[in-house]
Amino acid sequence: MALEASLLTILACPVDKGSLLYFDDEVSLYNPRLRRRYRVSSDVPQLLVQQAETVGDDEHARLVDKARAGRAVQTTRRIRRPSSWR
């Protein structure tokens, strides 16, 4: 089952707070900037840094090409923190 669109609008990478690519057919979220893949298990994104998988050059290229071909959904844009949080 695919993640709900409303959930995709709020998901961000736990490390850089940027958007992720969601691959429904691979049941994963991917951060191409950090080359980290997060699994989705039972419709629950596993966004724990310790559980992220770092992907190599070939896998990164495959995922980016797949996203460029329109076979991924991009999640929320970068979250801006108020200056009081810094």
PDB file of N, CA and C in Angstrom:
ATOM      1  N   MET A   1       0.842  -1.182   0.000  1.00  0.00           N
ATOM      2  CA  MET A   1       0.000   0.000   0.000  1.00  0.00           C
ATOM      3  C   MET A   1       0.886   1.244   0.000  1.00  0.00           C
ATOM      4  N   ALA A   2       0.497   2.257  -0.721  1.00  0.00           N
ATOM      5  CA  ALA A   2       1.253   3.504  -0.822  1.00  0.00           C
ATOM      6  C   ALA A   2       1.000   4.397   0.385  1.00  0.00           C
ATOM      7  N   LEU A   3       1.996   5.233   0.673  1.00  0.00           N
ATOM      8  CA  LEU A   3       1.821   6.218   1.735  1.00  0.00           C
ATOM      9  C   LEU A   3       0.798   7.252   1.287  1.00  0.00           C
ATOM     10  N   GLU A   4       0.047   7.765   2.222  1.00  0.00           N
ATOM     11  CA  GLU A   4      -0.967   8.765   1.904  1.00  0.00           C
ATOM     12  C   GLU A   4      -0.316  10.074   1.491  1.00  0.00           C
ATOM     13  N   ALA A   5      -0.955  10.761   0.568  1.00  0.00           N
ATOM     14  CA  ALA A   5      -0.436  12.033   0.059  1.00  0.00           C
ATOM     15  C   ALA A   5      -0.273  13.054   1.185  1.00  0.00           C
ATOM     16  N   SER A   6      -1.190  13.060   2.135  1.00  0.00           N
ATOM     17  CA  SER A   6      -1.094  14.021   3.244  1.00  0.00           C
ATOM     18  C   SER A   6       0.150  13.770   4.091  1.00  0.00           C
ATOM     19  N   LEU A   7       0.553  12.509   4.224  1.00  0.00           N
ATOM     20  CA  LEU A   7       1.766  12.187   4.976  1.00  0.00           C
ATOM     21  C   LEU A   7       3.003  12.640   4.205  1.00  0.00           C
ATOM     22  N   LEU A   8       2.984  12.469   2.901  1.00  0.00           N
ATOM     23  CA  LEU A   8       4.135  12.866   2.083  1.00  0.00           C
ATOM     24  C   LEU A   8       4.397  14.362   2.147  1.00  0.00           C
ATOM     25  N   THR A   9       3.379  15.151   2.425  1.00  0.00           N
ATOM     26  CA  THR A   9       3.565  16.608   2.482  1.00  0.00           C
ATOM     27  C   THR A   9       4.316  17.053   3.725  1.00  0.00           C
ATOM     28  N   ILE A  10       4.427  16.192   4.732  1.00  0.00           N
ATOM     29  CA  ILE A  10       5.099  16.597   5.970  1.00  0.00           C
ATOM     30  C   ILE A  10       6.399  15.843   6.243  1.00  0.00           C
ATOM     31  N   LEU A  11       6.697  14.820   5.451  1.00  0.00           N
ATOM     32  CA  LEU A  11       7.913  14.045   5.691  1.00  0.00           C
ATOM     33  C   LEU A  11       9.153  14.804   5.229  1.00  0.00           C
ATOM     34  N   ALA A  12      10.212  14.707   6.021  1.00  0.00           N
ATOM     35  CA  ALA A  12      11.497  15.316   5.684  1.00  0.00           C
ATOM     36  C   ALA A  12      12.603  14.432   6.240  1.00  0.00           C
ATOM     37  N   CYS A  13      13.787  14.576   5.700  1.00  0.00           N
ATOM     38  CA  CYS A  13      14.933  13.808   6.185  1.00  0.00           C
ATOM     39  C   CYS A  13      15.250  14.235   7.620  1.00  0.00           C
ATOM     40  N   PRO A  14      15.478  13.286   8.515  1.00  0.00           N
ATOM     41  CA  PRO A  14      15.779  13.638   9.892  1.00  0.00           C
ATOM     42  C   PRO A  14      17.163  14.276  10.065  1.00  0.00           C
ATOM     43  N   VAL A  15      18.023  14.154   9.070  1.00  0.00           N
ATOM     44  CA  VAL A  15      19.371  14.705   9.183  1.00  0.00           C
ATOM     45  C   VAL A  15      19.431  16.140   8.657  1.00  0.00           C
ATOM     46  N   ASP A  16      19.088  16.345   7.380  1.00  0.00           N
ATOM     47  CA  ASP A  16      19.223  17.691   6.806  1.00  0.00           C
ATOM     48  C   ASP A  16      17.893  18.425   6.660  1.00  0.00           C
ATOM     49  N   LYS A  17      16.812  17.805   7.098  1.00  0.00           N
ATOM     50  CA  LYS A  17      15.466  18.389   7.083  1.00  0.00           C
ATOM     51  C   LYS A  17      14.969  18.721   5.683  1.00  0.00           C
ATOM     52  N   GLY A  18      15.602  18.160   4.668  1.00  0.00           N
ATOM     53  CA  GLY A  18      15.202  18.388   3.286  1.00  0.00           C
ATOM     54  C   GLY A  18      14.200  17.369   2.798  1.00  0.00           C
ATOM     55  N   SER A  19      13.760  17.572   1.575  1.00  0.00           N
ATOM     56  CA  SER A  19      12.761  16.677   0.990  1.00  0.00           C
ATOM     57  C   SER A  19      13.361  15.311   0.681  1.00  0.00           C
ATOM     58  N   LEU A  20      12.480  14.355   0.524  1.00  0.00           N
ATOM     59  CA  LEU A  20      12.857  12.979   0.214  1.00  0.00           C
ATOM     60  C   LEU A  20      12.145  12.555  -1.064  1.00  0.00           C
ATOM     61  N   LEU A  21      12.647  11.527  -1.688  1.00  0.00           N
ATOM     62  CA  LEU A  21      11.976  10.915  -2.828  1.00  0.00           C
ATOM     63  C   LEU A  21      11.314   9.630  -2.341  1.00  0.00           C
ATOM     64  N   TYR A  22      10.041   9.478  -2.645  1.00  0.00           N
ATOM     65  CA  TYR A  22       9.307   8.285  -2.238  1.00  0.00           C
ATOM     66  C   TYR A  22       9.132   7.370  -3.438  1.00  0.00           C
ATOM     67  N   PHE A  23       9.617   6.146  -3.305  1.00  0.00           N
ATOM     68  CA  PHE A  23       9.475   5.123  -4.335  1.00  0.00           C
ATOM     69  C   PHE A  23       8.481   4.092  -3.824  1.00  0.00           C
ATOM     70  N   ASP A  24       7.252   4.206  -4.308  1.00  0.00           N
ATOM     71  CA  ASP A  24       6.175   3.328  -3.869  1.00  0.00           C
ATOM     72  C   ASP A  24       6.485   1.865  -4.166  1.00  0.00           C
ATOM     73  N   ASP A  25       7.019   1.587  -5.356  1.00  0.00           N
ATOM     74  CA  ASP A  25       7.278   0.202  -5.735  1.00  0.00           C
ATOM     75  C   ASP A  25       8.436  -0.425  -4.963  1.00  0.00           C
ATOM     76  N   GLU A  26       9.293   0.393  -4.372  1.00  0.00           N
ATOM     77  CA  GLU A  26      10.409  -0.113  -3.577  1.00  0.00           C
ATOM     78  C   GLU A  26      10.172   0.060  -2.080  1.00  0.00           C
ATOM     79  N   VAL A  27       9.055   0.662  -1.737  1.00  0.00           N
ATOM     80  CA  VAL A  27       8.655   0.914  -0.354  1.00  0.00           C
ATOM     81  C   VAL A  27       9.808   1.567   0.422  1.00  0.00           C
ATOM     82  N   SER A  28      10.277   2.701  -0.132  1.00  0.00           N
ATOM     83  CA  SER A  28      11.379   3.398   0.523  1.00  0.00           C
ATOM     84  C   SER A  28      11.334   4.885   0.226  1.00  0.00           C
ATOM     85  N   LEU A  29      11.998   5.628   1.106  1.00  0.00           N
ATOM     86  CA  LEU A  29      12.210   7.066   0.947  1.00  0.00           C
ATOM     87  C   LEU A  29      13.702   7.264   0.769  1.00  0.00           C
ATOM     88  N   TYR A  30      14.088   8.200  -0.100  1.00  0.00           N
ATOM     89  CA  TYR A  30      15.503   8.373  -0.411  1.00  0.00           C
ATOM     90  C   TYR A  30      15.898   9.840  -0.373  1.00  0.00           C
ATOM     91  N   ASN A  31      17.037  10.112   0.261  1.00  0.00           N
ATOM     92  CA  ASN A  31      17.611  11.448   0.274  1.00  0.00           C
ATOM     93  C   ASN A  31      18.814  11.428  -0.668  1.00  0.00           C
ATOM     94  N   PRO A  32      18.667  11.999  -1.875  1.00  0.00           N
ATOM     95  CA  PRO A  32      19.774  11.962  -2.827  1.00  0.00           C
ATOM     96  C   PRO A  32      20.948  12.849  -2.435  1.00  0.00           C
ATOM     97  N   ARG A  33      20.722  13.839  -1.596  1.00  0.00           N
ATOM     98  CA  ARG A  33      21.815  14.722  -1.172  1.00  0.00           C
ATOM     99  C   ARG A  33      22.783  13.987  -0.261  1.00  0.00           C
ATOM    100  N   LEU A  34      22.253  13.154   0.624  1.00  0.00           N
ATOM    101  CA  LEU A  34      23.084  12.409   1.575  1.00  0.00           C
ATOM    102  C   LEU A  34      23.259  10.946   1.179  1.00  0.00           C
ATOM    103  N   ARG A  35      22.555  10.543   0.118  1.00  0.00           N
ATOM    104  CA  ARG A  35      22.579   9.154  -0.357  1.00  0.00           C
ATOM    105  C   ARG A  35      22.146   8.170   0.731  1.00  0.00           C
ATOM    106  N   ARG A  36      21.051   8.514   1.394  1.00  0.00           N
ATOM    107  CA  ARG A  36      20.506   7.656   2.452  1.00  0.00           C
ATOM    108  C   ARG A  36      19.113   7.201   2.077  1.00  0.00           C
ATOM    109  N   ARG A  37      18.874   5.920   2.280  1.00  0.00           N
ATOM    110  CA  ARG A  37      17.563   5.330   2.010  1.00  0.00           C
ATOM    111  C   ARG A  37      16.932   4.931   3.339  1.00  0.00           C
ATOM    112  N   TYR A  38      15.649   5.264   3.469  1.00  0.00           N
ATOM    113  CA  TYR A  38      14.868   4.915   4.656  1.00  0.00           C
ATOM    114  C   TYR A  38      13.751   3.969   4.215  1.00  0.00           C
ATOM    115  N   ARG A  39      13.608   2.890   4.883  1.00  0.00           N
ATOM    116  CA  ARG A  39      12.573   1.901   4.560  1.00  0.00           C
ATOM    117  C   ARG A  39      11.218   2.348   5.097  1.00  0.00           C
ATOM    118  N   VAL A  40      10.182   1.836   4.467  1.00  0.00           N
ATOM    119  CA  VAL A  40       8.804   2.015   4.935  1.00  0.00           C
ATOM    120  C   VAL A  40       8.314   0.622   5.268  1.00  0.00           C
ATOM    121  N   SER A  41       7.920   0.426   6.506  1.00  0.00           N
ATOM    122  CA  SER A  41       7.505  -0.891   6.968  1.00  0.00           C
ATOM    123  C   SER A  41       6.075  -0.824   7.497  1.00  0.00           C
ATOM    124  N   SER A  42       5.198  -1.613   6.936  1.00  0.00           N
ATOM    125  CA  SER A  42       3.773  -1.607   7.310  1.00  0.00           C
ATOM    126  C   SER A  42       3.189  -0.201   7.241  1.00  0.00           C
ATOM    127  N   ASP A  43       3.511   0.500   6.165  1.00  0.00           N
ATOM    128  CA  ASP A  43       3.031   1.876   5.917  1.00  0.00           C
ATOM    129  C   ASP A  43       3.548   2.891   6.927  1.00  0.00           C
ATOM    130  N   VAL A  44       4.620   2.573   7.630  1.00  0.00           N
ATOM    131  CA  VAL A  44       5.218   3.491   8.602  1.00  0.00           C
ATOM    132  C   VAL A  44       6.650   3.794   8.163  1.00  0.00           C
ATOM    133  N   PRO A  45       6.949   5.054   7.826  1.00  0.00           N
ATOM    134  CA  PRO A  45       8.317   5.408   7.453  1.00  0.00           C
ATOM    135  C   PRO A  45       9.272   5.225   8.636  1.00  0.00           C
ATOM    136  N   GLN A  46      10.366   4.550   8.387  1.00  0.00           N
ATOM    137  CA  GLN A  46      11.375   4.298   9.423  1.00  0.00           C
ATOM    138  C   GLN A  46      12.466   5.355   9.279  1.00  0.00           C
ATOM    139  N   LEU A  47      12.222   6.540   9.834  1.00  0.00           N
ATOM    140  CA  LEU A  47      13.120   7.678   9.665  1.00  0.00           C
ATOM    141  C   LEU A  47      14.114   7.821  10.809  1.00  0.00           C
ATOM    142  N   LEU A  48      14.652   6.725  11.248  1.00  0.00           N
ATOM    143  CA  LEU A  48      15.688   6.752  12.278  1.00  0.00           C
ATOM    144  C   LEU A  48      17.047   6.749  11.589  1.00  0.00           C
ATOM    145  N   VAL A  49      17.896   7.678  11.975  1.00  0.00           N
ATOM    146  CA  VAL A  49      19.204   7.810  11.347  1.00  0.00           C
ATOM    147  C   VAL A  49      19.987   6.504  11.439  1.00  0.00           C
ATOM    148  N   GLN A  50      19.889   5.823  12.567  1.00  0.00           N
ATOM    149  CA  GLN A  50      20.631   4.580  12.778  1.00  0.00           C
ATOM    150  C   GLN A  50      20.173   3.465  11.840  1.00  0.00           C
ATOM    151  N   GLN A  51      18.956   3.542  11.336  1.00  0.00           N
ATOM    152  CA  GLN A  51      18.425   2.496  10.467  1.00  0.00           C
ATOM    153  C   GLN A  51      18.528   2.843   8.984  1.00  0.00           C
ATOM    154  N   ALA A  52      19.030   4.033   8.673  1.00  0.00           N
ATOM    155  CA  ALA A  52      19.163   4.439   7.278  1.00  0.00           C
ATOM    156  C   ALA A  52      20.243   3.619   6.593  1.00  0.00           C
ATOM    157  N   GLU A  53      20.038   3.382   5.314  1.00  0.00           N
ATOM    158  CA  GLU A  53      21.004   2.642   4.516  1.00  0.00           C
ATOM    159  C   GLU A  53      21.715   3.637   3.595  1.00  0.00           C
ATOM    160  N   THR A  54      23.029   3.659   3.631  1.00  0.00           N
ATOM    161  CA  THR A  54      23.801   4.482   2.712  1.00  0.00           C
ATOM    162  C   THR A  54      23.975   3.704   1.414  1.00  0.00           C
ATOM    163  N   VAL A  55      23.653   4.340   0.288  1.00  0.00           N
ATOM    164  CA  VAL A  55      23.738   3.643  -0.986  1.00  0.00           C
ATOM    165  C   VAL A  55      24.995   4.060  -1.746  1.00  0.00           C
ATOM    166  N   GLY A  56      25.481   3.158  -2.572  1.00  0.00           N
ATOM    167  CA  GLY A  56      26.674   3.400  -3.381  1.00  0.00           C
ATOM    168  C   GLY A  56      26.357   4.188  -4.641  1.00  0.00           C
ATOM    169  N   ASP A  57      27.386   4.440  -5.424  1.00  0.00           N
ATOM    170  CA  ASP A  57      27.257   5.254  -6.633  1.00  0.00           C
ATOM    171  C   ASP A  57      26.269   4.673  -7.641  1.00  0.00           C
ATOM    172  N   ASP A  58      26.342   3.381  -7.890  1.00  0.00           N
ATOM    173  CA  ASP A  58      25.454   2.763  -8.887  1.00  0.00           C
ATOM    174  C   ASP A  58      23.990   2.836  -8.463  1.00  0.00           C
ATOM    175  N   GLU A  59      23.737   2.538  -7.202  1.00  0.00           N
ATOM    176  CA  GLU A  59      22.347   2.581  -6.695  1.00  0.00           C
ATOM    177  C   GLU A  59      21.836   4.020  -6.679  1.00  0.00           C
ATOM    178  N   HIS A  60      22.678   4.956  -6.298  1.00  0.00           N
ATOM    179  CA  HIS A  60      22.296   6.369  -6.306  1.00  0.00           C
ATOM    180  C   HIS A  60      21.893   6.791  -7.727  1.00  0.00           C
ATOM    181  N   ALA A  61      22.728   6.460  -8.706  1.00  0.00           N
ATOM    182  CA  ALA A  61      22.428   6.809 -10.098  1.00  0.00           C
ATOM    183  C   ALA A  61      21.117   6.181 -10.554  1.00  0.00           C
ATOM    184  N   ARG A  62      20.875   4.933 -10.176  1.00  0.00           N
ATOM    185  CA  ARG A  62      19.634   4.261 -10.554  1.00  0.00           C
ATOM    186  C   ARG A  62      18.417   4.972  -9.975  1.00  0.00           C
ATOM    187  N   LEU A  63      18.503   5.332  -8.696  1.00  0.00           N
ATOM    188  CA  LEU A  63      17.376   5.993  -8.043  1.00  0.00           C
ATOM    189  C   LEU A  63      17.131   7.392  -8.600  1.00  0.00           C
ATOM    190  N   VAL A  64      18.190   8.133  -8.868  1.00  0.00           N
ATOM    191  CA  VAL A  64      18.039   9.476  -9.436  1.00  0.00           C
ATOM    192  C   VAL A  64      17.441   9.388 -10.842  1.00  0.00           C
ATOM    193  N   ASP A  65      17.912   8.445 -11.639  1.00  0.00           N
ATOM    194  CA  ASP A  65      17.349   8.261 -12.984  1.00  0.00           C
ATOM    195  C   ASP A  65      15.872   7.888 -12.910  1.00  0.00           C
ATOM    196  N   LYS A  66      15.541   7.040 -11.973  1.00  0.00           N
ATOM    197  CA  LYS A  66      14.146   6.619 -11.791  1.00  0.00           C
ATOM    198  C   LYS A  66      13.278   7.819 -11.401  1.00  0.00           C
ATOM    199  N   ALA A  67      13.795   8.664 -10.516  1.00  0.00           N
ATOM    200  CA  ALA A  67      13.052   9.866 -10.106  1.00  0.00           C
ATOM    201  C   ALA A  67      12.886  10.825 -11.282  1.00  0.00           C
ATOM    202  N   ARG A  68      13.926  10.997 -12.063  1.00  0.00           N
ATOM    203  CA  ARG A  68      13.857  11.880 -13.243  1.00  0.00           C
ATOM    204  C   ARG A  68      12.839  11.372 -14.260  1.00  0.00           C
ATOM    205  N   ALA A  69      12.647  10.069 -14.290  1.00  0.00           N
ATOM    206  CA  ALA A  69      11.672   9.472 -15.207  1.00  0.00           C
ATOM    207  C   ALA A  69      10.244   9.588 -14.664  1.00  0.00           C
ATOM    208  N   GLY A  70      10.088  10.223 -13.510  1.00  0.00           N
ATOM    209  CA  GLY A  70       8.757  10.437 -12.949  1.00  0.00           C
ATOM    210  C   GLY A  70       8.224   9.277 -12.144  1.00  0.00           C
ATOM    211  N   ARG A  71       9.104   8.392 -11.708  1.00  0.00           N
ATOM    212  CA  ARG A  71       8.655   7.216 -10.965  1.00  0.00           C
ATOM    213  C   ARG A  71       8.912   7.347  -9.471  1.00  0.00           C
ATOM    214  N   ALA A  72       8.910   8.596  -8.982  1.00  0.00           N
ATOM    215  CA  ALA A  72       9.056   8.880  -7.549  1.00  0.00           C
ATOM    216  C   ALA A  72       8.234  10.118  -7.235  1.00  0.00           C
ATOM    217  N   VAL A  73       7.874  10.244  -5.975  1.00  0.00           N
ATOM    218  CA  VAL A  73       7.144  11.411  -5.498  1.00  0.00           C
ATOM    219  C   VAL A  73       8.051  12.149  -4.523  1.00  0.00           C
ATOM    220  N   GLN A  74       8.176  13.449  -4.712  1.00  0.00           N
ATOM    221  CA  GLN A  74       8.999  14.237  -3.790  1.00  0.00           C
ATOM    222  C   GLN A  74       8.159  14.683  -2.613  1.00  0.00           C
ATOM    223  N   THR A  75       8.733  14.540  -1.417  1.00  0.00           N
ATOM    224  CA  THR A  75       8.027  14.967  -0.207  1.00  0.00           C
ATOM    225  C   THR A  75       8.223  16.466  -0.015  1.00  0.00           C
ATOM    226  N   THR A  76       7.902  16.932   1.149  1.00  0.00           N
ATOM    227  CA  THR A  76       7.939  18.349   1.490  1.00  0.00           C
ATOM    228  C   THR A  76       9.272  19.016   1.141  1.00  0.00           C
ATOM    229  N   ARG A  77       9.238  20.283   0.996  1.00  0.00           N
ATOM    230  CA  ARG A  77      10.459  21.063   0.780  1.00  0.00           C
ATOM    231  C   ARG A  77      11.186  21.242   2.113  1.00  0.00           C
ATOM    232  N   ARG A  78      12.353  21.811   2.038  1.00  0.00           N
ATOM    233  CA  ARG A  78      13.177  22.042   3.223  1.00  0.00           C
ATOM    234  C   ARG A  78      12.395  22.799   4.291  1.00  0.00           C
ATOM    235  N   ILE A  79      12.515  22.334   5.512  1.00  0.00           N
ATOM    236  CA  ILE A  79      11.849  22.962   6.643  1.00  0.00           C
ATOM    237  C   ILE A  79      12.729  24.098   7.147  1.00  0.00           C
ATOM    238  N   ARG A  80      12.173  25.265   7.232  1.00  0.00           N
ATOM    239  CA  ARG A  80      12.937  26.406   7.740  1.00  0.00           C
ATOM    240  C   ARG A  80      12.695  26.539   9.241  1.00  0.00           C
ATOM    241  N   ARG A  81      13.782  26.591   9.972  1.00  0.00           N
ATOM    242  CA  ARG A  81      13.683  26.731  11.417  1.00  0.00           C
ATOM    243  C   ARG A  81      13.653  28.209  11.786  1.00  0.00           C
ATOM    244  N   PRO A  82      12.823  28.581  12.733  1.00  0.00           N
ATOM    245  CA  PRO A  82      12.844  29.970  13.215  1.00  0.00           C
ATOM    246  C   PRO A  82      14.231  30.282  13.789  1.00  0.00           C
ATOM    247  N   SER A  83      14.633  31.533  13.673  1.00  0.00           N
ATOM    248  CA  SER A  83      15.961  31.914  14.160  1.00  0.00           C
ATOM    249  C   SER A  83      16.119  31.657  15.655  1.00  0.00           C
ATOM    250  N   SER A  84      15.023  31.607  16.381  1.00  0.00           N
ATOM    251  CA  SER A  84      15.103  31.333  17.818  1.00  0.00           C
ATOM    252  C   SER A  84      15.517  29.891  18.112  1.00  0.00           C
ATOM    253  N   TRP A  85      15.441  28.994  17.120  1.00  0.00           N
ATOM    254  CA  TRP A  85      15.820  27.593  17.311  1.00  0.00           C
ATOM    255  C   TRP A  85      17.315  27.378  17.127  1.00  0.00           C
ATOM    256  N   ARG A  86      18.010  28.343  16.571  1.00  0.00           N
ATOM    257  CA  ARG A  86      19.435  28.155  16.252  1.00  0.00           C
ATOM    258  C   ARG A  86      20.314  28.390  17.431  1.00  0.00           C
TER     259      ARG A  86
END
